[in-house]
Structure formats: C-alpha cells, structure tokens
Amino acid sequence: MSTKQEPNLSKQSTIYSYTLVKRIYHSLYKRILYFLILALALFFKFDPANWLPLIVSYPLLLVFHTLLVRAYFQFTIGMAMRGWSYRWGIFWCGSLPDGHASVRLVGKVQLHLFWIGLSLITILYPWIPTPWLIYFMIFHIWMLMPRLWMLFRFRPYRKTGLMKISEKETSCYLQ
C-alpha cells in the first residue's frame, strides 16, 4: 500500500494552528511572593489559641470550590465537565481544563467562583465564628488572586484566545 500525499498539501501543515501570544511563567520569585502574602495575612489575623480554623479552612475551600465549579457546568452548560479534571498546583489548584480551553470560559468559571464564594461566605457570616470567617476569606481571596490576575493579563485575547495551564506556566494562544 503506497502512501501518496495530495500534491497541494504542505508537508508543514498540522491539525492545530495555535499562535502563542502571551506566556506567564510560574517562577520561584512569584511563588515566594505568593506564599509571603499568605503568611503576612495569616500572621496579621493568627490566634495561637485557635488552630482548627487555620488547618481546616483551606481543605474545606478546595472542596467547596470543586463543588461550585461542577454546579456551574451542570447549570450553565447542562452537562458534566468534559476535558476538565482536578489538578494540584501552586497558582491553579482545583478543577482545571486538561488541554486548551477558551479564555472566556475559564474567566467566567473563575469569576463566578470568586463572587459566589465571596457571597456565600458573607451570607454565612451570622452562623460562622469570626476566626473561621476570617480564614475562609483570606484563603478564598488568596487562592483566586493569581488566577484573576492572569486572566486580567489575557483579557485582550478573551474573544478568541485559548489558555493552556501547566505546572510551570500559563499560556495564551490564538487560533
């Protein structure tokens, strides 16, 4: 069986034609700054007599964020999150796209996560003890701060841009 190519097809053609337009590296400097911000916020509001809220609030927020993202997909798109999985990372931790995803979709998910999370924490104010409320707010804002900053930097490419999130960088491509 011979493998003849069409004469008008280029040998350089590929299925995907993405052009990298912006890349944000997750450098050691940024990681140290990110954890320093958390350490300063926690140090400012730390109560040595009450360790439980500090230890439990971050894992609870991870679960809460995961449930919110799943609910977002279920109620807006009407289906499960195909192409998204749970991943661990420094700046991006939680339900994330596995490959390229629309900057617009990732932005909508993260903004909904930020505002709904903030609203629910605020609504639960009368029933949550103050230390829990403070740690929930600190961790919630700390977790979403770098994501929203990266999405802010990708805003010129919001309509047609695609994001790829990896452990070492977050990149934006145009089709």
N, C-alpha and C. Protein backbone atom coordinates (compact mmCIF):
# COMPACT_ATOMS: atom_id res chain seq x y z
N MET A 1 0.84 -1.16 0.00
CA MET A 1 0.00 0.00 0.00
C MET A 1 0.89 1.24 0.00
N SER A 2 0.72 2.10 -0.95
CA SER A 2 1.55 3.29 -1.02
C SER A 2 0.87 4.45 -0.29
N THR A 3 1.68 5.29 0.25
CA THR A 3 1.15 6.46 0.97
C THR A 3 1.44 7.70 0.15
N LYS A 4 0.59 7.97 -0.83
CA LYS A 4 0.74 9.15 -1.66
C LYS A 4 0.08 10.35 -0.99
N GLN A 5 0.79 11.46 -0.99
CA GLN A 5 0.23 12.69 -0.45
C GLN A 5 -0.43 13.48 -1.57
N GLU A 6 -1.42 14.23 -1.21
CA GLU A 6 -2.04 15.14 -2.16
C GLU A 6 -0.98 16.16 -2.59
N PRO A 7 -0.90 16.49 -3.82
CA PRO A 7 0.14 17.42 -4.25
C PRO A 7 -0.05 18.84 -3.71
N ASN A 8 -1.28 19.23 -3.38
CA ASN A 8 -1.49 20.60 -2.92
C ASN A 8 -1.39 20.75 -1.40
N LEU A 9 -1.15 19.66 -0.68
CA LEU A 9 -0.99 19.76 0.78
C LEU A 9 0.46 20.02 1.13
N SER A 10 0.66 20.88 2.08
CA SER A 10 2.02 21.20 2.53
C SER A 10 2.51 20.13 3.49
N LYS A 11 3.78 19.87 3.46
CA LYS A 11 4.36 18.93 4.41
C LYS A 11 4.40 19.54 5.82
N GLN A 12 4.27 20.85 5.90
CA GLN A 12 4.33 21.55 7.18
C GLN A 12 2.96 21.71 7.84
N SER A 13 1.89 21.31 7.18
CA SER A 13 0.56 21.54 7.74
C SER A 13 0.33 20.66 8.96
N THR A 14 -0.41 21.20 9.90
CA THR A 14 -0.75 20.47 11.12
C THR A 14 -2.24 20.61 11.37
N ILE A 15 -2.73 19.82 12.29
CA ILE A 15 -4.15 19.89 12.63
C ILE A 15 -4.44 21.18 13.37
N TYR A 16 -3.57 21.55 14.28
CA TYR A 16 -3.78 22.74 15.09
C TYR A 16 -2.90 23.87 14.59
N SER A 17 -3.45 25.06 14.58
CA SER A 17 -2.66 26.22 14.17
C SER A 17 -2.80 27.30 15.24
N TYR A 18 -2.23 27.04 16.40
CA TYR A 18 -2.27 27.99 17.51
C TYR A 18 -1.01 28.83 17.49
N THR A 19 -1.16 30.10 17.81
CA THR A 19 -0.03 31.01 17.91
C THR A 19 0.07 31.49 19.35
N LEU A 20 1.21 31.29 19.96
CA LEU A 20 1.43 31.74 21.33
C LEU A 20 1.50 33.27 21.34
N VAL A 21 0.65 33.90 22.16
CA VAL A 21 0.65 35.36 22.24
C VAL A 21 1.11 35.88 23.59
N LYS A 22 0.97 35.09 24.64
CA LYS A 22 1.41 35.53 25.96
C LYS A 22 1.67 34.30 26.82
N ARG A 23 2.74 34.35 27.57
CA ARG A 23 3.09 33.25 28.48
C ARG A 23 3.46 33.86 29.82
N ILE A 24 2.88 33.31 30.87
CA ILE A 24 3.19 33.76 32.23
C ILE A 24 3.85 32.59 32.95
N TYR A 25 5.13 32.75 33.24
CA TYR A 25 5.88 31.71 33.93
C TYR A 25 5.56 31.73 35.41
N HIS A 26 5.48 30.57 36.01
CA HIS A 26 5.29 30.46 37.46
C HIS A 26 6.66 30.32 38.10
N SER A 27 7.38 31.41 38.14
CA SER A 27 8.76 31.41 38.61
C SER A 27 8.83 31.25 40.13
N LEU A 28 10.02 30.95 40.59
CA LEU A 28 10.26 30.80 42.03
C LEU A 28 9.99 32.11 42.76
N TYR A 29 10.36 33.22 42.15
CA TYR A 29 10.12 34.54 42.73
C TYR A 29 8.62 34.75 42.98
N LYS A 30 7.80 34.43 41.99
CA LYS A 30 6.35 34.60 42.12
C LYS A 30 5.78 33.66 43.18
N ARG A 31 6.30 32.46 43.24
CA ARG A 31 5.82 31.51 44.25
C ARG A 31 6.15 31.98 45.66
N ILE A 32 7.35 32.50 45.85
CA ILE A 32 7.74 33.01 47.17
C ILE A 32 6.88 34.22 47.54
N LEU A 33 6.67 35.12 46.60
CA LEU A 33 5.83 36.29 46.85
C LEU A 33 4.40 35.87 47.20
N TYR A 34 3.89 34.88 46.48
CA TYR A 34 2.53 34.36 46.70
C TYR A 34 2.38 33.81 48.11
N PHE A 35 3.34 33.00 48.56
CA PHE A 35 3.26 32.45 49.91
C PHE A 35 3.58 33.49 50.98
N LEU A 36 4.38 34.47 50.64
CA LEU A 36 4.67 35.56 51.59
C LEU A 36 3.41 36.38 51.86
N ILE A 37 2.61 36.63 50.83
CA ILE A 37 1.35 37.34 51.01
C ILE A 37 0.44 36.56 51.95
N LEU A 38 0.36 35.24 51.75
CA LEU A 38 -0.47 34.41 52.64
C LEU A 38 0.07 34.44 54.07
N ALA A 39 1.39 34.31 54.21
CA ALA A 39 1.98 34.31 55.55
C ALA A 39 1.71 35.63 56.27
N LEU A 40 1.81 36.75 55.56
CA LEU A 40 1.54 38.05 56.18
C LEU A 40 0.07 38.18 56.58
N ALA A 41 -0.83 37.73 55.72
CA ALA A 41 -2.26 37.81 56.04
C ALA A 41 -2.60 36.92 57.24
N LEU A 42 -2.03 35.73 57.26
CA LEU A 42 -2.30 34.82 58.39
C LEU A 42 -1.66 35.32 59.68
N PHE A 43 -0.46 35.86 59.58
CA PHE A 43 0.23 36.38 60.75
C PHE A 43 -0.54 37.54 61.36
N PHE A 44 -1.12 38.36 60.51
CA PHE A 44 -1.89 39.51 60.97
C PHE A 44 -3.13 39.08 61.75
N LYS A 45 -3.77 37.99 61.34
CA LYS A 45 -5.02 37.54 61.97
C LYS A 45 -4.86 36.22 62.72
N PHE A 46 -3.65 35.79 63.00
CA PHE A 46 -3.44 34.49 63.64
C PHE A 46 -3.73 34.55 65.13
N ASP A 47 -4.46 33.55 65.60
CA ASP A 47 -4.76 33.39 67.01
C ASP A 47 -4.14 32.07 67.47
N PRO A 48 -3.06 32.11 68.27
CA PRO A 48 -2.39 30.86 68.65
C PRO A 48 -3.26 29.92 69.48
N ALA A 49 -4.31 30.43 70.07
CA ALA A 49 -5.18 29.58 70.87
C ALA A 49 -6.18 28.80 70.01
N ASN A 50 -6.34 29.17 68.74
CA ASN A 50 -7.35 28.56 67.90
C ASN A 50 -6.76 28.12 66.56
N TRP A 51 -6.20 26.90 66.53
CA TRP A 51 -5.53 26.36 65.35
C TRP A 51 -6.50 25.72 64.34
N LEU A 52 -7.61 25.20 64.81
CA LEU A 52 -8.51 24.42 63.95
C LEU A 52 -9.00 25.18 62.71
N PRO A 53 -9.45 26.43 62.81
CA PRO A 53 -9.88 27.13 61.61
C PRO A 53 -8.77 27.29 60.58
N LEU A 54 -7.55 27.52 61.05
CA LEU A 54 -6.42 27.68 60.15
C LEU A 54 -6.14 26.39 59.38
N ILE A 55 -6.20 25.27 60.05
CA ILE A 55 -5.87 23.99 59.44
C ILE A 55 -6.99 23.47 58.53
N VAL A 56 -8.22 23.68 58.90
CA VAL A 56 -9.36 23.08 58.19
C VAL A 56 -9.92 23.97 57.08
N SER A 57 -9.76 25.27 57.16
CA SER A 57 -10.42 26.15 56.20
C SER A 57 -9.91 25.98 54.76
N TYR A 58 -8.63 25.76 54.56
CA TYR A 58 -8.12 25.59 53.19
C TYR A 58 -8.66 24.32 52.53
N PRO A 59 -8.59 23.15 53.17
CA PRO A 59 -9.18 21.96 52.52
C PRO A 59 -10.69 22.09 52.30
N LEU A 60 -11.39 22.73 53.22
CA LEU A 60 -12.83 22.93 53.03
C LEU A 60 -13.10 23.82 51.81
N LEU A 61 -12.30 24.85 51.63
CA LEU A 61 -12.47 25.72 50.47
C LEU A 61 -12.16 24.99 49.16
N LEU A 62 -11.18 24.10 49.16
CA LEU A 62 -10.90 23.31 47.96
C LEU A 62 -12.10 22.47 47.56
N VAL A 63 -12.72 21.82 48.56
CA VAL A 63 -13.92 21.02 48.29
C VAL A 63 -15.05 21.91 47.82
N PHE A 64 -15.24 23.03 48.48
CA PHE A 64 -16.28 23.98 48.14
C PHE A 64 -16.10 24.51 46.72
N HIS A 65 -14.88 24.86 46.35
CA HIS A 65 -14.60 25.36 45.00
C HIS A 65 -14.89 24.29 43.96
N THR A 66 -14.53 23.06 44.24
CA THR A 66 -14.79 21.96 43.31
C THR A 66 -16.28 21.77 43.10
N LEU A 67 -17.04 21.81 44.17
CA LEU A 67 -18.49 21.66 44.05
C LEU A 67 -19.11 22.83 43.29
N LEU A 68 -18.62 24.03 43.52
CA LEU A 68 -19.13 25.19 42.79
C LEU A 68 -18.84 25.11 41.29
N VAL A 69 -17.65 24.67 40.93
CA VAL A 69 -17.31 24.56 39.51
C VAL A 69 -18.17 23.48 38.85
N ARG A 70 -18.37 22.36 39.53
CA ARG A 70 -19.24 21.30 39.00
C ARG A 70 -20.67 21.81 38.84
N ALA A 71 -21.16 22.52 39.82
CA ALA A 71 -22.52 23.07 39.73
C ALA A 71 -22.62 24.09 38.59
N TYR A 72 -21.58 24.90 38.41
CA TYR A 72 -21.57 25.87 37.32
C TYR A 72 -21.73 25.16 35.98
N PHE A 73 -20.95 24.12 35.75
CA PHE A 73 -21.05 23.39 34.49
C PHE A 73 -22.41 22.72 34.34
N GLN A 74 -22.91 22.16 35.41
CA GLN A 74 -24.19 21.46 35.34
C GLN A 74 -25.34 22.42 35.02
N PHE A 75 -25.34 23.60 35.61
CA PHE A 75 -26.45 24.52 35.44
C PHE A 75 -26.31 25.43 34.21
N THR A 76 -25.11 25.72 33.78
CA THR A 76 -24.96 26.61 32.63
C THR A 76 -24.86 25.84 31.31
N ILE A 77 -24.05 24.81 31.29
CA ILE A 77 -23.87 24.05 30.07
C ILE A 77 -24.84 22.87 30.03
N GLY A 78 -25.21 22.37 31.19
CA GLY A 78 -26.16 21.28 31.27
C GLY A 78 -25.53 19.91 31.12
N MET A 79 -24.23 19.83 31.35
CA MET A 79 -23.57 18.54 31.25
C MET A 79 -22.36 18.51 32.17
N ALA A 80 -21.77 17.34 32.23
CA ALA A 80 -20.59 17.17 33.06
C ALA A 80 -19.41 17.93 32.45
N MET A 81 -18.34 18.01 33.19
CA MET A 81 -17.16 18.78 32.80
C MET A 81 -16.23 17.91 31.96
N ARG A 82 -16.53 17.76 30.70
CA ARG A 82 -15.63 17.01 29.83
C ARG A 82 -14.40 17.85 29.53
N GLY A 83 -13.23 17.25 29.63
CA GLY A 83 -12.00 17.97 29.38
C GLY A 83 -11.47 18.75 30.57
N TRP A 84 -12.11 18.60 31.71
CA TRP A 84 -11.66 19.26 32.93
C TRP A 84 -11.39 18.17 33.97
N SER A 85 -10.37 18.37 34.76
CA SER A 85 -10.06 17.42 35.83
C SER A 85 -9.50 18.17 37.03
N TYR A 86 -9.39 17.46 38.13
CA TYR A 86 -8.87 18.06 39.36
C TYR A 86 -7.35 17.96 39.33
N ARG A 87 -6.68 19.09 39.50
CA ARG A 87 -5.22 19.09 39.50
C ARG A 87 -4.69 19.93 40.66
N TRP A 88 -3.52 19.55 41.12
CA TRP A 88 -2.84 20.28 42.19
C TRP A 88 -1.80 21.19 41.56
N GLY A 89 -1.67 22.36 42.11
CA GLY A 89 -0.67 23.30 41.62
C GLY A 89 -0.54 24.46 42.59
N ILE A 90 0.42 25.32 42.30
CA ILE A 90 0.64 26.48 43.17
C ILE A 90 -0.42 27.55 42.91
N PHE A 91 -0.49 28.03 41.69
CA PHE A 91 -1.42 29.12 41.38
C PHE A 91 -2.78 28.61 40.93
N TRP A 92 -2.79 27.44 40.32
CA TRP A 92 -4.03 26.85 39.82
C TRP A 92 -4.21 25.52 40.52
N CYS A 93 -5.13 25.46 41.44
CA CYS A 93 -5.41 24.23 42.16
C CYS A 93 -6.92 24.02 42.14
N GLY A 94 -7.35 22.85 41.69
CA GLY A 94 -8.77 22.57 41.63
C GLY A 94 -9.17 22.03 40.28
N SER A 95 -10.41 22.24 39.88
CA SER A 95 -10.91 21.77 38.59
C SER A 95 -10.41 22.70 37.50
N LEU A 96 -9.60 22.14 36.59
CA LEU A 96 -8.97 22.91 35.54
C LEU A 96 -9.09 22.19 34.21
N PRO A 97 -9.00 22.94 33.10
CA PRO A 97 -9.03 22.28 31.80
C PRO A 97 -7.77 21.44 31.59
N ASP A 98 -7.95 20.28 30.95
CA ASP A 98 -6.81 19.39 30.71
C ASP A 98 -5.91 19.90 29.58
N GLY A 99 -6.50 20.46 28.56
CA GLY A 99 -5.73 20.96 27.43
C GLY A 99 -6.02 22.43 27.22
N HIS A 100 -6.22 22.80 25.96
CA HIS A 100 -6.56 24.18 25.64
C HIS A 100 -8.02 24.42 25.97
N ALA A 101 -8.31 25.56 26.59
CA ALA A 101 -9.68 25.95 26.91
C ALA A 101 -9.83 27.43 26.60
N SER A 102 -11.01 27.82 26.29
CA SER A 102 -11.31 29.20 25.95
C SER A 102 -11.00 30.12 27.14
N VAL A 103 -10.34 31.24 26.85
CA VAL A 103 -10.06 32.23 27.90
C VAL A 103 -11.38 32.72 28.47
N ARG A 104 -12.36 32.88 27.63
CA ARG A 104 -13.68 33.35 28.07
C ARG A 104 -14.31 32.36 29.05
N LEU A 105 -14.27 31.06 28.74
CA LEU A 105 -14.87 30.07 29.63
C LEU A 105 -14.13 30.00 30.96
N VAL A 106 -12.81 29.95 30.92
CA VAL A 106 -12.03 29.89 32.16
C VAL A 106 -12.27 31.16 32.98
N GLY A 107 -12.35 32.29 32.33
CA GLY A 107 -12.62 33.54 33.02
C GLY A 107 -13.99 33.55 33.68
N LYS A 108 -15.00 33.08 32.97
CA LYS A 108 -16.35 33.01 33.54
C LYS A 108 -16.37 32.10 34.76
N VAL A 109 -15.75 30.94 34.64
CA VAL A 109 -15.73 29.98 35.75
C VAL A 109 -15.05 30.60 36.97
N GLN A 110 -13.90 31.24 36.76
CA GLN A 110 -13.15 31.80 37.88
C GLN A 110 -13.87 33.01 38.50
N LEU A 111 -14.48 33.85 37.68
CA LEU A 111 -15.23 34.99 38.24
C LEU A 111 -16.46 34.53 39.00
N HIS A 112 -17.17 33.54 38.46
CA HIS A 112 -18.31 33.00 39.20
C HIS A 112 -17.85 32.37 40.50
N LEU A 113 -16.76 31.65 40.45
CA LEU A 113 -16.21 31.04 41.66
C LEU A 113 -15.86 32.10 42.69
N PHE A 114 -15.24 33.18 42.25
CA PHE A 114 -14.86 34.25 43.17
C PHE A 114 -16.08 34.90 43.81
N TRP A 115 -17.04 35.35 42.97
CA TRP A 115 -18.18 36.10 43.51
C TRP A 115 -19.15 35.22 44.28
N ILE A 116 -19.42 34.03 43.81
CA ILE A 116 -20.33 33.14 44.54
C ILE A 116 -19.71 32.72 45.86
N GLY A 117 -18.43 32.39 45.84
CA GLY A 117 -17.73 32.03 47.08
C GLY A 117 -17.73 33.16 48.08
N LEU A 118 -17.42 34.34 47.62
CA LEU A 118 -17.41 35.52 48.49
C LEU A 118 -18.81 35.80 49.05
N SER A 119 -19.81 35.67 48.19
CA SER A 119 -21.19 35.90 48.63
C SER A 119 -21.64 34.87 49.67
N LEU A 120 -21.32 33.61 49.43
CA LEU A 120 -21.73 32.58 50.38
C LEU A 120 -21.02 32.72 51.72
N ILE A 121 -19.75 33.07 51.68
CA ILE A 121 -19.04 33.30 52.94
C ILE A 121 -19.67 34.47 53.69
N THR A 122 -20.02 35.52 52.96
CA THR A 122 -20.66 36.70 53.57
C THR A 122 -22.05 36.37 54.11
N ILE A 123 -22.82 35.58 53.36
CA ILE A 123 -24.16 35.20 53.81
C ILE A 123 -24.10 34.35 55.08
N LEU A 124 -23.08 33.52 55.19
CA LEU A 124 -22.94 32.65 56.37
C LEU A 124 -22.35 33.38 57.57
N TYR A 125 -22.09 34.66 57.44
CA TYR A 125 -21.47 35.46 58.49
C TYR A 125 -22.15 35.29 59.86
N PRO A 126 -23.48 35.33 59.97
CA PRO A 126 -24.09 35.21 61.31
C PRO A 126 -23.88 33.84 61.97
N TRP A 127 -23.64 32.80 61.17
CA TRP A 127 -23.55 31.45 61.72
C TRP A 127 -22.13 30.93 61.83
N ILE A 128 -21.17 31.62 61.24
CA ILE A 128 -19.77 31.18 61.29
C ILE A 128 -19.05 32.00 62.35
N PRO A 129 -18.30 31.35 63.24
CA PRO A 129 -17.49 32.12 64.20
C PRO A 129 -16.47 33.01 63.46
N THR A 130 -16.13 34.10 64.05
CA THR A 130 -15.25 35.09 63.42
C THR A 130 -13.92 34.53 62.92
N PRO A 131 -13.20 33.69 63.71
CA PRO A 131 -11.93 33.17 63.17
C PRO A 131 -12.13 32.35 61.88
N TRP A 132 -13.19 31.55 61.83
CA TRP A 132 -13.47 30.77 60.62
C TRP A 132 -13.75 31.69 59.45
N LEU A 133 -14.54 32.70 59.68
CA LEU A 133 -14.89 33.65 58.62
C LEU A 133 -13.64 34.33 58.07
N ILE A 134 -12.77 34.76 58.96
CA ILE A 134 -11.55 35.45 58.54
C ILE A 134 -10.67 34.52 57.71
N TYR A 135 -10.47 33.28 58.15
CA TYR A 135 -9.62 32.35 57.42
C TYR A 135 -10.25 31.94 56.09
N PHE A 136 -11.55 31.76 56.06
CA PHE A 136 -12.22 31.47 54.78
C PHE A 136 -12.00 32.61 53.79
N MET A 137 -12.16 33.83 54.25
CA MET A 137 -11.97 34.99 53.37
C MET A 137 -10.52 35.09 52.89
N ILE A 138 -9.57 34.94 53.81
CA ILE A 138 -8.16 35.03 53.45
C ILE A 138 -7.80 33.97 52.41
N PHE A 139 -8.16 32.70 52.68
CA PHE A 139 -7.81 31.63 51.75
C PHE A 139 -8.55 31.76 50.42
N HIS A 140 -9.81 32.15 50.46
CA HIS A 140 -10.58 32.29 49.22
C HIS A 140 -9.95 33.35 48.31
N ILE A 141 -9.66 34.51 48.86
CA ILE A 141 -9.05 35.58 48.06
C ILE A 141 -7.64 35.19 47.64
N TRP A 142 -6.89 34.56 48.53
CA TRP A 142 -5.52 34.15 48.22
C TRP A 142 -5.49 33.13 47.09
N MET A 143 -6.44 32.18 47.10
CA MET A 143 -6.46 31.16 46.06
C MET A 143 -6.81 31.73 44.69
N LEU A 144 -7.72 32.69 44.64
CA LEU A 144 -8.20 33.20 43.36
C LEU A 144 -7.43 34.42 42.85
N MET A 145 -6.65 35.05 43.71
CA MET A 145 -5.91 36.25 43.32
C MET A 145 -5.00 36.02 42.10
N PRO A 146 -4.14 34.99 42.07
CA PRO A 146 -3.26 34.84 40.89
C PRO A 146 -4.04 34.44 39.63
N ARG A 147 -5.10 33.68 39.79
CA ARG A 147 -5.91 33.27 38.64
C ARG A 147 -6.55 34.49 37.98
N LEU A 148 -7.13 35.34 38.81
CA LEU A 148 -7.79 36.53 38.26
C LEU A 148 -6.76 37.50 37.66
N TRP A 149 -5.57 37.55 38.26
CA TRP A 149 -4.52 38.40 37.70
C TRP A 149 -4.09 37.90 36.32
N MET A 150 -3.92 36.59 36.18
CA MET A 150 -3.54 36.03 34.88
C MET A 150 -4.64 36.25 33.85
N LEU A 151 -5.88 36.05 34.26
CA LEU A 151 -6.99 36.28 33.34
C LEU A 151 -7.09 37.76 32.95
N PHE A 152 -6.77 38.64 33.88
CA PHE A 152 -6.74 40.07 33.58
C PHE A 152 -5.69 40.37 32.51
N ARG A 153 -4.56 39.71 32.59
CA ARG A 153 -3.50 39.92 31.62
C ARG A 153 -3.84 39.31 30.25
N PHE A 154 -4.74 38.32 30.23
CA PHE A 154 -5.16 37.70 28.98
C PHE A 154 -6.42 38.35 28.40
N ARG A 155 -6.94 39.40 29.01
CA ARG A 155 -8.21 39.98 28.59
C ARG A 155 -8.22 40.48 27.15
N PRO A 156 -7.11 40.95 26.55
CA PRO A 156 -7.18 41.36 25.13
C PRO A 156 -7.51 40.18 24.20
N TYR A 157 -7.27 38.96 24.67
CA TYR A 157 -7.47 37.77 23.84
C TYR A 157 -8.71 37.00 24.27
N ARG A 158 -9.57 37.64 25.02
CA ARG A 158 -10.73 36.97 25.62
C ARG A 158 -11.66 36.35 24.58
N LYS A 159 -11.89 37.02 23.46
CA LYS A 159 -12.87 36.53 22.49
C LYS A 159 -12.39 35.30 21.74
N THR A 160 -11.15 35.26 21.33
CA THR A 160 -10.68 34.15 20.51
C THR A 160 -9.53 33.38 21.12
N GLY A 161 -9.08 33.78 22.30
CA GLY A 161 -7.91 33.15 22.90
C GLY A 161 -8.21 31.82 23.56
N LEU A 162 -7.18 30.99 23.60
CA LEU A 162 -7.23 29.71 24.28
C LEU A 162 -6.14 29.69 25.34
N MET A 163 -6.45 29.11 26.49
CA MET A 163 -5.48 29.02 27.58
C MET A 163 -5.00 27.59 27.71
N LYS A 164 -3.76 27.46 28.12
CA LYS A 164 -3.21 26.16 28.50
C LYS A 164 -2.52 26.37 29.83
N ILE A 165 -2.97 25.60 30.82
CA ILE A 165 -2.44 25.74 32.17
C ILE A 165 -1.57 24.53 32.46
N SER A 166 -0.32 24.78 32.81
CA SER A 166 0.58 23.70 33.20
C SER A 166 1.20 24.05 34.55
N GLU A 167 1.99 23.16 35.05
CA GLU A 167 2.59 23.37 36.37
C GLU A 167 3.58 24.53 36.37
N LYS A 168 4.28 24.74 35.25
CA LYS A 168 5.33 25.75 35.21
C LYS A 168 4.92 27.06 34.56
N GLU A 169 3.77 27.08 33.84
CA GLU A 169 3.39 28.29 33.15
C GLU A 169 1.90 28.25 32.79
N THR A 170 1.39 29.44 32.49
CA THR A 170 0.05 29.59 31.94
C THR A 170 0.22 30.35 30.64
N SER A 171 -0.29 29.76 29.56
CA SER A 171 -0.07 30.34 28.23
C SER A 171 -1.38 30.69 27.57
N CYS A 172 -1.33 31.68 26.69
CA CYS A 172 -2.48 32.09 25.92
C CYS A 172 -2.14 31.98 24.44
N TYR A 173 -3.02 31.35 23.68
CA TYR A 173 -2.83 31.12 22.25
C TYR A 173 -4.01 31.70 21.48
N LEU A 174 -3.74 32.07 20.24
CA LEU A 174 -4.81 32.46 19.32
C LEU A 174 -4.87 31.42 18.22
N GLN A 175 -6.10 31.17 17.75
CA GLN A 175 -6.27 30.19 16.68
C GLN A 175 -5.96 30.80 15.35
